[in-house]
Structure formats: structure tokens, C-alpha cells
N, C-alpha and C. Protein backbone atom coordinates (compact mmCIF):
# COMPACT_ATOMS: atom_id res chain seq x y z
N MET A 1 -19.08 -12.24 11.49
CA MET A 1 -17.77 -12.60 11.03
C MET A 1 -17.39 -11.17 10.55
N SER A 2 -16.27 -10.13 11.24
CA SER A 2 -16.02 -9.58 10.94
C SER A 2 -14.32 -9.81 9.86
N LYS A 3 -14.19 -8.90 8.50
CA LYS A 3 -13.01 -9.07 7.50
C LYS A 3 -12.16 -8.54 8.06
N LYS A 4 -10.88 -9.44 7.59
CA LYS A 4 -9.86 -9.17 7.97
C LYS A 4 -8.92 -7.69 7.51
N THR A 5 -8.69 -6.86 8.02
CA THR A 5 -8.24 -5.22 7.24
C THR A 5 -6.05 -5.57 7.53
N VAL A 6 -5.68 -5.00 6.86
CA VAL A 6 -4.49 -4.30 7.09
C VAL A 6 -4.00 -2.94 7.16
N THR A 7 -3.66 -2.12 7.89
CA THR A 7 -3.17 -1.00 7.70
C THR A 7 -1.61 -1.03 7.40
N VAL A 8 -1.91 0.12 6.05
CA VAL A 8 -0.30 0.51 5.95
C VAL A 8 -0.28 2.20 5.90
N GLN A 9 1.26 2.24 5.73
CA GLN A 9 1.18 3.42 5.89
C GLN A 9 2.95 3.82 4.52
N GLN A 10 2.43 5.12 4.13
CA GLN A 10 3.55 5.13 2.91
C GLN A 10 4.45 6.11 3.39
N ILE A 11 5.81 4.89 3.18
CA ILE A 11 7.26 5.71 3.90
C ILE A 11 8.27 6.05 2.82
N GLY A 12 7.53 5.57 1.26
CA GLY A 12 8.37 6.03 0.39
C GLY A 12 8.02 6.62 -0.96
N SER A 13 8.39 7.27 -1.04
CA SER A 13 8.26 8.30 -2.62
C SER A 13 8.17 7.58 -4.39
N PRO A 14 6.86 7.73 -4.77
CA PRO A 14 7.35 6.85 -6.28
C PRO A 14 7.83 7.65 -7.19
N ILE A 15 8.52 9.00 -6.95
CA ILE A 15 9.43 9.74 -7.89
C ILE A 15 11.13 8.80 -7.94
N ARG A 16 10.86 8.88 -9.76
CA ARG A 16 12.02 8.05 -10.03
C ARG A 16 11.82 6.67 -10.07
N ARG A 17 10.86 6.04 -9.57
CA ARG A 17 10.42 4.62 -9.52
C ARG A 17 9.51 4.02 -11.45
N LYS A 18 9.72 2.64 -11.11
CA LYS A 18 8.27 2.51 -12.28
C LYS A 18 7.40 2.80 -12.42
N ASP A 19 6.84 3.04 -13.38
CA ASP A 19 5.65 3.43 -13.49
C ASP A 19 4.75 2.71 -12.58
N TYR A 20 4.51 1.21 -12.92
CA TYR A 20 3.73 0.34 -12.03
C TYR A 20 3.38 0.27 -10.59
N GLN A 21 4.50 0.80 -9.93
CA GLN A 21 5.17 1.48 -8.37
C GLN A 21 4.13 2.48 -8.27
N ALA A 22 4.23 3.95 -8.88
CA ALA A 22 2.93 4.49 -8.61
C ALA A 22 1.44 4.32 -9.19
N LEU A 23 1.00 3.68 -9.49
CA LEU A 23 0.02 2.74 -10.12
C LEU A 23 -0.67 1.72 -8.66
N CYS A 24 0.26 1.46 -8.60
CA CYS A 24 -0.29 0.52 -7.23
C CYS A 24 -0.33 1.17 -6.02
N LEU A 25 0.38 2.58 -5.38
CA LEU A 25 0.15 3.04 -4.74
C LEU A 25 -1.03 3.52 -5.08
N LYS A 26 -1.23 3.90 -5.76
CA LYS A 26 -2.51 4.45 -6.55
C LYS A 26 -3.76 3.78 -5.49
N GLY A 27 -3.74 2.35 -6.46
CA GLY A 27 -4.64 1.37 -6.05
C GLY A 27 -4.87 1.52 -4.30
N LEU A 28 -3.81 1.52 -4.13
CA LEU A 28 -3.61 1.41 -2.47
C LEU A 28 -4.47 2.42 -1.65
N GLY A 29 -4.54 3.45 -2.33
CA GLY A 29 -5.34 4.62 -1.92
C GLY A 29 -4.29 5.64 -1.26
N LEU A 30 -2.67 5.32 -1.49
CA LEU A 30 -1.90 6.06 -1.11
C LEU A 30 -1.22 7.02 -2.06
N GLY A 31 -0.04 7.64 -2.01
CA GLY A 31 0.21 8.90 -2.91
C GLY A 31 0.97 9.83 -2.40
N LYS A 32 0.58 10.17 -1.36
CA LYS A 32 1.71 11.40 -0.39
C LYS A 32 1.96 10.66 0.83
N MET A 33 3.19 10.95 1.39
CA MET A 33 4.01 10.44 1.88
C MET A 33 3.24 10.82 3.27
N ASN A 34 3.68 9.39 3.89
CA ASN A 34 2.78 9.05 5.35
C ASN A 34 1.34 8.96 5.68
N ARG A 35 0.59 8.73 4.44
CA ARG A 35 -0.51 8.69 4.04
C ARG A 35 -0.86 7.31 4.83
N VAL A 36 -1.94 7.17 5.68
CA VAL A 36 -2.00 5.94 6.07
C VAL A 36 -3.80 5.06 5.49
N ARG A 37 -4.11 4.21 5.36
CA ARG A 37 -5.06 3.41 4.86
C ARG A 37 -5.70 2.34 5.39
N VAL A 38 -6.75 2.23 5.67
CA VAL A 38 -7.50 0.78 6.54
C VAL A 38 -7.99 -0.15 5.32
N LEU A 39 -6.66 -1.38 4.82
CA LEU A 39 -7.67 -1.93 3.64
C LEU A 39 -8.01 -3.27 4.46
N GLU A 40 -8.94 -3.89 3.37
CA GLU A 40 -9.22 -5.21 3.24
C GLU A 40 -8.09 -5.77 3.04
N ASP A 41 -8.30 -6.91 3.71
CA ASP A 41 -7.16 -7.92 3.76
C ASP A 41 -7.18 -9.30 2.76
N THR A 42 -7.14 -8.59 1.32
CA THR A 42 -7.62 -9.43 0.40
C THR A 42 -6.45 -10.18 -0.37
N PRO A 43 -5.95 -11.03 -1.24
CA PRO A 43 -4.96 -11.28 -2.13
C PRO A 43 -4.62 -10.39 -3.12
N SER A 44 -5.30 -9.65 -3.56
CA SER A 44 -5.09 -7.92 -5.09
C SER A 44 -4.60 -7.58 -3.69
N VAL A 45 -4.80 -6.79 -2.73
CA VAL A 45 -4.26 -5.55 -2.02
C VAL A 45 -2.97 -6.81 -1.44
N ARG A 46 -3.01 -7.82 -1.15
CA ARG A 46 -1.78 -8.36 -0.77
C ARG A 46 -0.35 -8.44 -1.93
N GLY A 47 -0.83 -8.46 -3.06
CA GLY A 47 -0.36 -8.44 -4.36
C GLY A 47 0.20 -7.09 -4.75
N MET A 48 -0.35 -5.94 -4.26
CA MET A 48 -0.13 -4.91 -4.31
C MET A 48 1.16 -3.82 -3.51
N ILE A 49 0.76 -4.73 -2.38
CA ILE A 49 1.77 -4.38 -1.05
C ILE A 49 2.99 -5.07 -1.55
N ASP A 50 3.20 -5.86 -2.09
CA ASP A 50 4.20 -6.82 -2.21
C ASP A 50 4.86 -5.82 -3.26
N ARG A 51 4.20 -5.72 -4.24
CA ARG A 51 5.00 -4.66 -5.58
C ARG A 51 5.88 -3.45 -4.90
N VAL A 52 5.24 -2.92 -3.58
CA VAL A 52 5.80 -1.56 -2.98
C VAL A 52 6.27 -1.44 -1.95
N LYS A 53 6.98 -2.65 -1.38
CA LYS A 53 7.10 -3.25 -0.26
C LYS A 53 8.58 -1.97 0.52
N HIS A 54 9.19 -1.75 -0.77
CA HIS A 54 9.72 -0.77 0.00
C HIS A 54 9.14 0.60 0.02
N LEU A 55 8.51 0.94 -0.20
CA LEU A 55 7.89 2.60 -0.34
C LEU A 55 6.31 2.23 0.63
N VAL A 56 6.10 1.36 1.34
CA VAL A 56 5.05 1.16 2.52
C VAL A 56 5.29 0.82 3.63
N GLU A 57 5.12 0.45 4.86
CA GLU A 57 5.11 0.26 5.78
C GLU A 57 3.91 -0.33 6.40
N ILE A 58 3.99 -1.63 6.85
CA ILE A 58 2.53 -2.21 7.43
C ILE A 58 2.37 -2.51 8.59
N LYS A 59 1.18 -1.29 8.95
CA LYS A 59 1.56 -0.89 10.36
C LYS A 59 0.78 -2.17 11.53
N SER A 60 -0.36 -2.58 11.01
CA SER A 60 -1.06 -3.99 11.33
C SER A 60 -2.00 -4.62 10.43
N ILE A 61 -2.15 -5.99 11.11
CA ILE A 61 -2.70 -7.03 9.99
C ILE A 61 -4.05 -7.52 10.86
């Protein structure tokens, strides 16, 4: 059985945002514009994506 993944791309900058938003991006493995990461689809990852949904774009689930 394969694990579900989610692909996210950073489309916004954390500059002039709350500290927790920059930390969420770092936790997701992002931090530079247009960086793409494939992450395991877990509730904690979904929560981090939800906190920075205006800075990331979900490419695939």
C-alpha cells in the first residue's frame, strides 16, 4: 500500500508576515519562491498548509 502524498509550491513571500507563517514554510521544506516539495499527506502537514494557504499552491493530492 503506497502512502498518500501532497505536492505544494511556494507562490508567496514570508516577508512582512507573522513569524509563525515563515516557520510553517520552513517546516514544509519551503522558503524560496517557486520551490516545490512532495510531502506525506498527514494531519500535521495539512495543518501547516492551512496556516499558509495564501503563500502556497497545492499542485496535486
